Amino acid sequence: MSEEKGEAGGDLNASRRAASEERIRLLEHQLDYIRAEMLHLTHERENMIYSVSYRVFRPLRLLEAKLVDAVAATFRRVVRPGPARTAVAPTPRNSEAPSAPPAKARRLLVDVTGVVNKDAGAGIERVVKRITQALYEATDSEIPTLAVRCAGGQLSTCHEFIASLTGRPAAGADREIAIEAGDRFLMLSDAWNAFDEFMPAFERIRRHGGEIVSCIFDLIPELYPHACYDVTVSRYDRWLRRALLESDSFIAISRTVADELADFVDERALPHRPGLKIGWFHCGSDIAAGRRDAARDKIRAAVAVDAPVFLCVGTIEPRKGHRTALKAFDDLWNGGLDARLVLVGRRGWYDEALVAEIVTHPEFGRRLYWFDDVADDELSFLYDKASAVLCPSYAEGFGLPIAEAARRDLPVICSDIPVFREVGGEGAAYFRVNDPQALARCIRGWLAGEIVTDPSRVSRSSWADAARRIVDVIAHDDWSRRLP
């Protein structure tokens, strides 16, 4: 017995050491990324100091600073800060109309306020539109769907938006809706900056026995704050803590994110609504096939070769692993491999040094390409022409390119992180995260046939499947975790 305990203790210590080493590697990777950005910005600053434009720009910055100081001083005199507010468990604001007991789900109200007000074309907006479209096109849904937007605490229809998704005529002028017994309000759209606006709607829904369901895409701002724009971290933190108090349940875009949320709340002992339910679904992987002739000439030229083409899809930002991919291909090119690396994604944040590395690279325009304005039909074209897709991220909420590639029978090579294991399953090839040499070895092994991929064993849910899963979880209370 003592030997068994010793072996168990040894395994646990080894696991902890391995986790600690990986954490240190991640921090070193983040430090290297930040160092590269700082060195690049320092170099750019030195260039500016000695340029003619700097002599014009510097006085304007000094004038700007004086104006900001003057306005701030005036504002401080006019506005006096009130007492600090402490988050407490939510209670009905109208004591004469307490919340009704939960009723059976009878209608799904889907919030699309954020994307209606401003469609930035990013990942969240894409998910909102595709899920909403699939819900409206479903013919066998157990509960009807109604997309709504919030303004001044009131919920209204958004017929023009739905018409743009479905291609059907708009169902008349928008109107304010009445809350009905058993409504489930799915906070699908991004409400980070406008959560307070929904409070009156939340109260009415609860008074009628309804529930609030918040969609959560990832916990990256909490778990990997150095990967995010600085303002995002504080905004996300405020939203999450408020949403934990106001939401009856959360539905995540992967089981990994659902488990991360439950563990995060438990480990931090965060206040939340009693009996908080947590579930998950998988994003869809189907994109428009597009016309064969839809791709622009420069995109067609990037893949018009006999050499293998590796496609990397994702915003240019710290956690996506573009530098890891670039270093791996430097190794491959220097070793004599004739292959192309095609990057698809718009610019994000903390990307100045990385973008400079890409556009000044000796192979840029020859064996290295970057397109920041690719439409769905052109992305579809690139998927069809690529030899494999690379996903070198160190943090994700799902990993949409993995599923999109697999749905088109395209092999996937990705970093070994939990959510990629969930989506890629046994069908993808994995390499040690943030390790360019490991990625280069994986690519060589895959090209040599030593590493085998099977796209049929990768998750390839459709958007219709995703919508159906959301309805099933909400309608049948099919939650994977329940907190005390």
Protein backbone atom coordinates (compact mmCIF):
# COMPACT_ATOMS: atom_id res chain seq x y z
CA MET A 1 0.00 0.00 0.00
CA SER A 2 2.80 2.41 0.90
CA GLU A 3 4.47 1.73 -2.44
CA GLU A 4 1.21 2.53 -4.26
CA LYS A 5 0.87 5.79 -2.34
CA GLY A 6 4.48 6.61 -3.14
CA GLU A 7 3.92 5.98 -6.83
CA ALA A 8 0.75 8.08 -6.79
CA GLY A 9 2.55 10.87 -4.98
CA GLY A 10 5.41 10.68 -7.45
CA ASP A 11 3.04 10.90 -10.42
CA LEU A 12 1.31 13.90 -8.85
CA ASN A 13 4.62 15.69 -8.21
CA ALA A 14 5.78 14.93 -11.76
CA SER A 15 2.51 16.30 -13.14
CA ARG A 16 2.88 19.46 -11.07
CA ARG A 17 6.47 19.92 -12.21
CA ALA A 18 5.43 19.49 -15.86
CA ALA A 19 2.60 22.02 -15.44
CA SER A 20 4.99 24.47 -13.77
CA GLU A 21 7.54 24.07 -16.56
CA GLU A 22 4.89 24.70 -19.21
CA ARG A 23 3.70 27.77 -17.33
CA ILE A 24 7.26 29.11 -17.26
CA ARG A 25 7.64 28.41 -20.99
CA LEU A 26 4.44 30.33 -21.68
CA LEU A 27 5.65 33.30 -19.63
CA GLU A 28 8.99 33.23 -21.46
CA HIS A 29 7.15 33.13 -24.79
CA GLN A 30 5.02 36.12 -23.77
CA LEU A 31 8.11 37.99 -22.56
CA ASP A 32 9.90 37.39 -25.87
CA TYR A 33 6.85 38.68 -27.76
CA ILE A 34 6.63 41.83 -25.62
CA ARG A 35 10.39 42.39 -25.90
CA ALA A 36 10.20 42.24 -29.70
CA GLU A 37 7.33 44.75 -29.71
CA MET A 38 9.22 47.15 -27.40
CA LEU A 39 12.42 46.96 -29.44
CA HIS A 40 10.47 47.66 -32.62
CA LEU A 41 8.64 50.62 -31.09
CA THR A 42 11.91 51.99 -29.68
CA HIS A 43 13.46 51.80 -33.13
CA GLU A 44 10.45 53.55 -34.67
CA ARG A 45 10.64 56.27 -32.01
CA GLU A 46 14.31 56.88 -32.80
CA ASN A 47 13.47 57.18 -36.48
CA MET A 48 10.73 59.68 -35.64
CA ILE A 49 12.98 61.82 -33.45
CA TYR A 50 15.32 62.46 -36.33
CA SER A 51 12.65 62.93 -38.95
CA VAL A 52 11.21 66.21 -40.18
CA SER A 53 7.69 65.09 -39.24
CA TYR A 54 8.71 64.75 -35.58
CA ARG A 55 9.53 68.49 -35.42
CA VAL A 56 5.91 69.18 -36.40
CA PHE A 57 4.37 66.37 -34.37
CA ARG A 58 6.10 67.11 -31.02
CA PRO A 59 4.64 70.61 -30.47
CA LEU A 60 1.17 69.28 -31.27
CA ARG A 61 1.57 66.53 -28.66
CA LEU A 62 2.62 69.11 -26.05
CA LEU A 63 -0.45 71.23 -26.89
CA GLU A 64 -2.66 68.13 -26.70
CA ALA A 65 -1.29 67.28 -23.24
CA LYS A 66 -2.02 70.80 -21.93
CA LEU A 67 -5.58 70.66 -23.28
CA VAL A 68 -6.20 67.26 -21.67
CA ASP A 69 -4.88 68.50 -18.32
CA ALA A 70 -7.09 71.60 -18.46
CA VAL A 71 -10.23 69.65 -19.36
CA ALA A 72 -9.52 67.01 -16.71
CA ALA A 73 -9.10 69.67 -14.00
CA THR A 74 -12.40 71.30 -14.95
CA PHE A 75 -14.16 67.94 -15.01
CA ARG A 76 -12.86 67.03 -11.54
CA ARG A 77 -14.27 70.26 -10.13
CA VAL A 78 -17.70 69.64 -11.66
CA VAL A 79 -18.04 65.91 -11.02
CA ARG A 80 -17.48 64.57 -7.51
CA PRO A 81 -17.05 60.81 -7.22
CA GLY A 82 -19.73 58.97 -5.27
CA PRO A 83 -19.14 56.20 -2.77
CA ALA A 84 -17.70 52.93 -4.05
CA ARG A 85 -20.25 50.26 -4.91
CA THR A 86 -19.85 46.69 -3.74
CA ALA A 87 -21.21 43.85 -5.86
CA VAL A 88 -23.90 41.92 -4.05
CA ALA A 89 -26.19 39.11 -5.08
CA PRO A 90 -28.98 40.48 -7.30
CA THR A 91 -32.40 41.10 -5.79
CA PRO A 92 -35.61 42.24 -7.45
CA ARG A 93 -35.60 46.03 -7.72
CA ASN A 94 -39.38 46.20 -7.49
CA SER A 95 -40.37 44.70 -4.13
CA GLU A 96 -44.02 44.68 -5.17
CA ALA A 97 -43.30 42.38 -8.11
CA PRO A 98 -40.93 39.59 -6.99
CA SER A 99 -39.48 37.07 -9.42
CA ALA A 100 -41.75 34.18 -10.35
CA PRO A 101 -40.57 30.56 -10.00
CA PRO A 102 -38.79 29.32 -13.14
CA ALA A 103 -41.25 28.23 -15.84
CA LYS A 104 -40.67 25.73 -18.62
CA ALA A 105 -38.81 27.22 -21.58
CA ARG A 106 -41.38 28.30 -24.17
CA ARG A 107 -39.56 30.90 -26.27
CA LEU A 108 -35.92 31.78 -27.01
CA LEU A 109 -35.18 35.51 -27.18
CA VAL A 110 -31.78 35.95 -28.83
CA ASP A 111 -29.96 39.21 -28.14
CA VAL A 112 -28.22 40.59 -31.25
CA THR A 113 -27.89 44.19 -30.03
CA GLY A 114 -24.11 44.39 -30.38
CA VAL A 115 -23.90 43.16 -33.96
CA VAL A 116 -26.92 45.25 -35.04
CA ASN A 117 -25.36 48.40 -33.59
CA LYS A 118 -21.86 47.70 -34.93
CA ASP A 119 -20.77 44.73 -37.00
CA ALA A 120 -16.97 44.68 -36.73
CA GLY A 121 -16.77 41.47 -38.75
CA ALA A 122 -14.76 39.71 -36.04
CA GLY A 123 -15.20 36.19 -34.68
CA ILE A 124 -17.93 36.98 -32.16
CA GLU A 125 -20.04 38.82 -34.72
CA ARG A 126 -19.63 35.93 -37.12
CA VAL A 127 -20.84 33.42 -34.53
CA VAL A 128 -23.82 35.63 -33.60
CA LYS A 129 -24.94 35.93 -37.22
CA ARG A 130 -24.49 32.28 -38.13
CA ILE A 131 -26.20 30.97 -34.97
CA THR A 132 -29.11 33.39 -35.38
CA GLN A 133 -29.49 32.50 -39.05
CA ALA A 134 -29.49 28.78 -38.21
CA LEU A 135 -32.09 29.25 -35.47
CA TYR A 136 -34.40 31.06 -37.91
CA GLU A 137 -33.91 28.46 -40.63
CA ALA A 138 -34.55 25.48 -38.33
CA THR A 139 -37.84 23.74 -39.07
CA ASP A 140 -37.83 21.30 -36.14
CA SER A 141 -36.90 23.53 -33.19
CA GLU A 142 -38.68 22.69 -29.93
CA ILE A 143 -39.07 26.34 -28.95
CA PRO A 144 -39.53 29.32 -31.28
CA THR A 145 -36.77 31.89 -31.70
CA LEU A 146 -37.11 35.67 -31.75
CA ALA A 147 -34.06 37.87 -32.31
CA VAL A 148 -34.21 41.09 -30.29
CA ARG A 149 -32.21 44.22 -29.64
CA CYS A 150 -32.17 46.31 -26.49
CA ALA A 151 -32.46 50.09 -26.29
CA GLY A 152 -33.23 51.98 -23.11
CA GLY A 153 -34.02 48.75 -21.29
CA GLN A 154 -36.72 47.82 -23.83
CA LEU A 155 -36.53 44.80 -26.13
CA SER A 156 -37.62 45.21 -29.75
CA THR A 157 -37.67 43.09 -32.88
CA CYS A 158 -35.01 43.58 -35.58
CA HIS A 159 -36.68 42.42 -38.78
CA GLU A 160 -34.27 44.11 -41.20
CA PHE A 161 -31.31 42.38 -39.59
CA ILE A 162 -33.00 38.98 -39.84
CA ALA A 163 -33.92 39.69 -43.46
CA SER A 164 -30.23 40.37 -44.21
CA LEU A 165 -29.30 36.96 -42.76
CA THR A 166 -32.03 34.82 -44.26
CA GLY A 167 -32.67 36.58 -47.56
CA ARG A 168 -36.38 36.73 -46.79
CA PRO A 169 -38.44 39.95 -46.85
CA ALA A 170 -38.52 41.88 -43.58
CA ALA A 171 -41.57 41.05 -41.46
CA GLY A 172 -42.78 44.62 -41.13
CA ALA A 173 -41.66 47.49 -38.92
CA ASP A 174 -39.80 46.79 -35.68
CA ARG A 175 -41.89 46.85 -32.52
CA GLU A 176 -41.38 46.50 -28.80
CA ILE A 177 -42.06 42.97 -27.58
CA ALA A 178 -43.97 41.81 -24.50
CA ILE A 179 -42.23 39.38 -22.16
CA GLU A 180 -44.02 36.03 -21.87
CA ALA A 181 -43.94 33.31 -19.24
CA GLY A 182 -40.97 30.98 -19.65
CA ASP A 183 -38.91 33.24 -21.93
CA ARG A 184 -35.22 32.37 -22.06
CA PHE A 185 -33.08 35.39 -22.89
CA LEU A 186 -29.89 34.27 -24.67
CA MET A 187 -27.21 36.97 -24.39
CA LEU A 188 -25.51 35.85 -27.59
CA SER A 189 -24.10 39.20 -28.69
CA ASP A 190 -21.26 41.16 -27.09
CA ALA A 191 -22.67 43.13 -24.13
CA TRP A 192 -19.41 43.94 -22.34
CA ASN A 193 -19.88 47.70 -22.55
CA ALA A 194 -23.66 47.94 -22.16
CA PHE A 195 -24.67 45.38 -19.56
CA ASP A 196 -26.49 47.90 -17.34
CA GLU A 197 -28.82 48.74 -20.21
CA PHE A 198 -30.31 45.24 -20.00
CA MET A 199 -31.21 45.37 -16.29
CA PRO A 200 -34.89 46.42 -16.76
CA ALA A 201 -35.35 43.63 -19.31
CA PHE A 202 -33.77 41.11 -16.93
CA GLU A 203 -36.21 42.11 -14.18
CA ARG A 204 -39.25 41.70 -16.42
CA ILE A 205 -38.06 38.31 -17.65
CA ARG A 206 -37.59 37.00 -14.12
CA ARG A 207 -40.96 38.35 -12.97
CA HIS A 208 -42.49 36.12 -15.67
CA GLY A 209 -40.56 33.03 -14.64
CA GLY A 210 -37.92 33.39 -17.35
CA GLU A 211 -34.15 33.00 -17.17
CA ILE A 212 -31.03 34.79 -18.42
CA VAL A 213 -28.51 32.70 -20.41
CA SER A 214 -25.13 34.32 -21.16
CA CYS A 215 -22.95 33.02 -23.97
CA ILE A 216 -19.24 32.93 -23.11
CA PHE A 217 -16.66 32.66 -25.87
CA ASP A 218 -13.49 32.29 -23.78
CA LEU A 219 -11.75 33.30 -20.54
CA ILE A 220 -8.63 34.60 -22.28
CA PRO A 221 -8.68 38.11 -20.69
CA GLU A 222 -8.74 36.45 -17.25
CA LEU A 223 -6.35 33.58 -17.88
CA TYR A 224 -3.98 35.26 -20.37
CA PRO A 225 -4.23 39.02 -19.79
CA HIS A 226 -0.87 39.70 -21.51
CA ALA A 227 -2.39 38.42 -24.76
CA CYS A 228 -5.08 41.10 -24.72
CA TYR A 229 -5.37 44.79 -25.35
CA ASP A 230 -5.14 46.51 -21.96
CA VAL A 231 -8.64 48.02 -22.02
CA THR A 232 -10.15 44.62 -22.86
CA VAL A 233 -8.93 43.04 -19.60
CA SER A 234 -10.64 45.53 -17.29
CA ARG A 235 -13.86 45.59 -19.35
CA TYR A 236 -14.06 41.81 -19.46
CA ASP A 237 -13.39 41.54 -15.74
CA ARG A 238 -16.25 43.92 -14.93
CA TRP A 239 -18.61 42.15 -17.33
CA LEU A 240 -17.83 38.64 -16.06
CA ARG A 241 -18.35 39.50 -12.42
CA ARG A 242 -21.62 41.27 -13.17
CA ALA A 243 -22.79 38.50 -15.51
CA LEU A 244 -22.13 35.87 -12.83
CA LEU A 245 -24.59 37.68 -10.57
CA GLU A 246 -27.22 38.36 -13.20
CA SER A 247 -27.15 35.14 -15.25
CA ASP A 248 -29.04 31.98 -14.40
CA SER A 249 -26.77 30.02 -16.71
CA PHE A 250 -23.79 30.27 -19.08
CA ILE A 251 -23.38 28.44 -22.37
CA ALA A 252 -19.83 28.21 -23.74
CA ILE A 253 -18.60 27.57 -27.27
CA SER A 254 -16.64 24.50 -26.11
CA ARG A 255 -16.57 22.05 -23.22
CA THR A 256 -13.07 23.34 -22.43
CA VAL A 257 -14.32 26.89 -21.87
CA ALA A 258 -17.28 25.60 -19.84
CA ASP A 259 -14.91 23.69 -17.53
CA GLU A 260 -12.52 26.64 -17.34
CA LEU A 261 -15.38 28.91 -16.26
CA ALA A 262 -16.60 26.51 -13.56
CA ASP A 263 -13.07 25.99 -12.22
CA PHE A 264 -12.29 29.72 -12.36
CA VAL A 265 -15.40 30.65 -10.36
CA ASP A 266 -14.68 27.89 -7.84
CA GLU A 267 -10.98 28.68 -7.40
CA ARG A 268 -11.55 32.43 -7.03
CA ALA A 269 -14.69 31.95 -4.89
CA LEU A 270 -16.47 34.49 -7.12
CA PRO A 271 -20.00 35.56 -6.14
CA HIS A 272 -22.59 34.12 -8.50
CA ARG A 273 -26.29 33.37 -8.73
CA PRO A 274 -27.10 30.31 -6.60
CA GLY A 275 -27.37 27.12 -8.65
CA LEU A 276 -25.60 28.68 -11.64
CA LYS A 277 -25.78 26.29 -14.62
CA ILE A 278 -23.01 25.89 -17.19
CA GLY A 279 -23.26 24.15 -20.57
CA TRP A 280 -21.57 24.15 -23.97
CA PHE A 281 -21.96 23.73 -27.72
CA HIS A 282 -19.59 23.53 -30.68
CA CYS A 283 -19.42 26.26 -33.31
CA GLY A 284 -20.35 25.41 -36.88
CA SER A 285 -17.78 24.69 -39.56
CA ASP A 286 -19.68 25.25 -42.80
CA ILE A 287 -18.79 28.33 -44.83
CA ALA A 288 -20.05 29.45 -48.22
CA ALA A 289 -18.43 27.50 -51.03
CA GLY A 290 -18.25 30.59 -53.24
CA ARG A 291 -17.51 30.78 -56.94
CA ARG A 292 -14.31 29.34 -58.29
CA ASP A 293 -13.54 32.61 -60.04
CA ALA A 294 -14.35 34.80 -57.02
CA ALA A 295 -10.81 34.96 -55.61
CA ARG A 296 -8.68 37.94 -56.62
CA ASP A 297 -5.61 37.38 -58.78
CA LYS A 298 -3.14 37.99 -55.94
CA ILE A 299 -4.84 35.31 -53.83
CA ARG A 300 -4.94 32.84 -56.70
CA ALA A 301 -1.25 33.49 -57.40
CA ALA A 302 -0.27 32.72 -53.80
CA VAL A 303 -1.45 29.10 -54.14
CA ALA A 304 -0.79 28.50 -57.84
CA VAL A 305 2.21 26.22 -57.25
CA ASP A 306 3.05 22.53 -57.07
CA ALA A 307 4.75 23.02 -53.69
CA PRO A 308 2.75 22.34 -50.49
CA VAL A 309 0.74 25.30 -49.20
CA PHE A 310 0.14 25.75 -45.47
CA LEU A 311 -2.73 28.06 -44.50
CA CYS A 312 -2.86 29.90 -41.16
CA VAL A 313 -6.15 31.72 -40.40
CA GLY A 314 -6.48 34.18 -37.51
CA THR A 315 -6.16 37.79 -36.41
CA ILE A 316 -2.60 39.08 -36.08
CA GLU A 317 -2.33 39.22 -32.27
CA PRO A 318 -0.04 37.83 -29.54
CA ARG A 319 -1.76 34.52 -28.74
CA LYS A 320 -2.26 33.28 -32.30
CA GLY A 321 1.29 31.97 -32.72
CA HIS A 322 2.22 33.64 -36.00
CA ARG A 323 5.81 34.19 -34.87
CA THR A 324 6.07 30.50 -33.95
CA ALA A 325 4.91 29.59 -37.46
CA LEU A 326 7.28 32.10 -39.07
CA LYS A 327 10.31 30.76 -37.15
CA ALA A 328 9.34 27.19 -38.01
CA PHE A 329 9.19 28.03 -41.72
CA ASP A 330 12.53 29.85 -41.53
CA ASP A 331 13.94 26.53 -40.33
CA LEU A 332 12.14 24.62 -43.09
CA TRP A 333 13.16 27.05 -45.84
CA ASN A 334 16.77 27.10 -44.65
CA GLY A 335 16.68 23.30 -44.73
CA GLY A 336 15.73 23.33 -48.41
CA LEU A 337 11.96 22.72 -48.16
CA ASP A 338 10.02 24.45 -50.93
CA ALA A 339 6.68 25.27 -49.27
CA ARG A 340 4.42 28.28 -48.95
CA LEU A 341 3.00 29.83 -45.81
CA VAL A 342 -0.20 31.85 -46.37
CA LEU A 343 -1.46 33.99 -43.48
CA VAL A 344 -5.08 35.17 -43.49
CA GLY A 345 -6.28 37.63 -40.85
CA ARG A 346 -6.74 41.30 -40.14
CA ARG A 347 -4.47 43.25 -37.81
CA GLY A 348 -5.30 43.10 -34.13
CA TRP A 349 -3.19 44.59 -31.30
CA TYR A 350 0.43 44.55 -30.11
CA ASP A 351 1.40 43.53 -33.61
CA GLU A 352 3.79 46.22 -34.85
CA ALA A 353 6.96 44.14 -34.61
CA LEU A 354 5.29 41.02 -35.97
CA VAL A 355 3.80 42.84 -38.95
CA ALA A 356 7.20 44.38 -39.67
CA GLU A 357 8.77 40.90 -39.55
CA ILE A 358 6.21 39.60 -42.02
CA VAL A 359 6.28 42.38 -44.61
CA THR A 360 10.10 42.77 -44.55
CA HIS A 361 10.79 39.03 -44.61
CA PRO A 362 12.99 37.95 -47.55
CA GLU A 363 10.33 35.42 -48.57
CA PHE A 364 7.40 37.85 -48.43
CA GLY A 365 5.63 37.75 -51.77
CA ARG A 366 7.59 34.64 -52.80
CA ARG A 367 6.88 31.85 -50.34
CA LEU A 368 5.28 33.93 -47.56
CA TYR A 369 1.94 35.72 -48.08
CA TRP A 370 -0.38 37.70 -45.85
CA PHE A 371 -3.94 38.77 -46.75
CA ASP A 372 -5.85 40.95 -44.27
CA ASP A 373 -9.10 41.41 -46.21
CA VAL A 374 -10.26 37.96 -47.27
CA ALA A 375 -14.00 37.39 -47.74
CA ASP A 376 -15.72 34.05 -47.09
CA ASP A 377 -15.67 32.98 -50.74
CA GLU A 378 -11.94 33.70 -50.97
CA LEU A 379 -11.28 31.86 -47.71
CA SER A 380 -13.20 28.94 -49.12
CA PHE A 381 -10.98 29.07 -52.22
CA LEU A 382 -7.83 29.03 -50.06
CA TYR A 383 -9.10 26.08 -48.02
CA ASP A 384 -9.65 24.18 -51.27
CA LYS A 385 -6.14 24.95 -52.54
CA ALA A 386 -4.16 24.46 -49.31
CA SER A 387 -2.28 21.28 -48.44
CA ALA A 388 -2.92 21.70 -44.70
CA VAL A 389 -4.06 24.24 -42.11
CA LEU A 390 -1.83 25.41 -39.27
CA CYS A 391 -3.23 26.51 -35.90
CA PRO A 392 -0.29 27.50 -33.66
CA SER A 393 -2.25 29.44 -30.97
CA TYR A 394 -1.51 29.09 -27.26
CA ALA A 395 -5.00 30.21 -26.15
CA GLU A 396 -8.39 29.85 -27.87
CA GLY A 397 -12.06 29.45 -27.07
CA PHE A 398 -12.74 26.97 -29.87
CA GLY A 399 -10.48 26.89 -32.93
CA LEU A 400 -12.81 27.52 -35.86
CA PRO A 401 -10.20 26.98 -38.62
CA ILE A 402 -9.66 23.41 -37.37
CA ALA A 403 -13.32 22.53 -37.86
CA GLU A 404 -13.65 24.52 -41.11
CA ALA A 405 -10.64 22.75 -42.60
CA ALA A 406 -11.80 19.29 -41.51
CA ARG A 407 -15.23 19.85 -43.04
CA ARG A 408 -13.43 20.29 -46.38
CA ASP A 409 -11.29 17.17 -45.74
CA LEU A 410 -8.20 19.31 -45.21
CA PRO A 411 -5.50 18.07 -42.78
CA VAL A 412 -4.84 20.13 -39.65
CA ILE A 413 -1.60 20.66 -37.71
CA CYS A 414 -2.14 22.47 -34.42
CA SER A 415 -0.58 23.28 -31.08
CA ASP A 416 -1.25 20.83 -28.27
CA ILE A 417 -3.69 22.77 -26.07
CA PRO A 418 -6.86 21.36 -24.43
CA VAL A 419 -9.46 23.05 -26.63
CA PHE A 420 -7.64 21.98 -29.81
CA ARG A 421 -7.60 18.40 -28.49
CA GLU A 422 -11.36 18.73 -27.94
CA VAL A 423 -12.02 19.97 -31.48
CA GLY A 424 -9.25 18.14 -33.35
CA GLY A 425 -9.70 14.85 -31.52
CA GLU A 426 -7.65 11.99 -32.96
CA GLY A 427 -7.80 13.41 -36.45
CA ALA A 428 -5.33 16.32 -36.16
CA ALA A 429 -1.54 16.39 -35.76
CA TYR A 430 -0.24 18.13 -32.65
CA PHE A 431 3.04 19.84 -31.74
CA ARG A 432 4.37 21.29 -28.51
CA VAL A 433 2.82 24.75 -28.06
CA ASN A 434 5.06 27.80 -28.65
CA ASP A 435 7.90 25.61 -29.97
CA PRO A 436 8.96 26.47 -33.56
CA GLN A 437 11.34 23.50 -33.79
CA ALA A 438 8.54 21.13 -32.73
CA LEU A 439 6.27 22.60 -35.41
CA ALA A 440 8.99 22.25 -38.06
CA ARG A 441 9.55 18.60 -37.07
CA CYS A 442 5.80 17.96 -37.19
CA ILE A 443 5.52 19.43 -40.69
CA ARG A 444 8.49 17.38 -41.92
CA GLY A 445 7.00 14.23 -40.39
CA TRP A 446 3.61 14.94 -41.93
CA LEU A 447 5.08 15.57 -45.39
CA ALA A 448 7.09 12.35 -45.10
CA GLY A 449 3.98 10.37 -44.15
CA GLU A 450 5.35 9.57 -40.70
CA ILE A 451 2.59 11.62 -39.01
CA VAL A 452 -0.94 10.77 -40.17
CA THR A 453 -4.00 13.02 -39.97
CA ASP A 454 -7.64 12.06 -40.51
CA PRO A 455 -10.04 15.00 -41.07
CA SER A 456 -13.02 12.66 -40.67
CA ARG A 457 -12.14 12.30 -36.97
CA VAL A 458 -12.16 16.05 -36.33
CA SER A 459 -15.25 17.88 -35.03
CA ARG A 460 -17.17 19.26 -38.00
CA SER A 461 -20.51 20.38 -36.60
CA SER A 462 -22.63 22.58 -38.86
CA TRP A 463 -24.15 25.85 -37.71
CA ALA A 464 -27.50 24.06 -37.78
CA ASP A 465 -26.02 21.49 -35.36
CA ALA A 466 -24.75 24.32 -33.14
CA ALA A 467 -28.17 25.98 -33.03
CA ARG A 468 -29.88 22.66 -32.31
CA ARG A 469 -27.48 21.97 -29.44
CA ILE A 470 -28.17 25.39 -27.88
CA VAL A 471 -31.91 24.79 -28.01
CA ASP A 472 -31.54 21.27 -26.56
CA VAL A 473 -29.45 22.48 -23.63
CA ILE A 474 -31.84 25.32 -22.80
CA ALA A 475 -35.12 23.50 -23.44
CA HIS A 476 -34.15 20.32 -21.57
CA ASP A 477 -31.93 21.84 -18.86
CA ASP A 478 -29.10 19.71 -20.24
CA TRP A 479 -26.30 21.54 -18.41
CA SER A 480 -22.93 19.89 -17.84
CA ARG A 481 -22.09 21.67 -14.56
CA ARG A 482 -24.11 23.23 -11.73
CA LEU A 483 -22.47 25.43 -9.12
CA PRO A 484 -23.74 25.63 -5.51
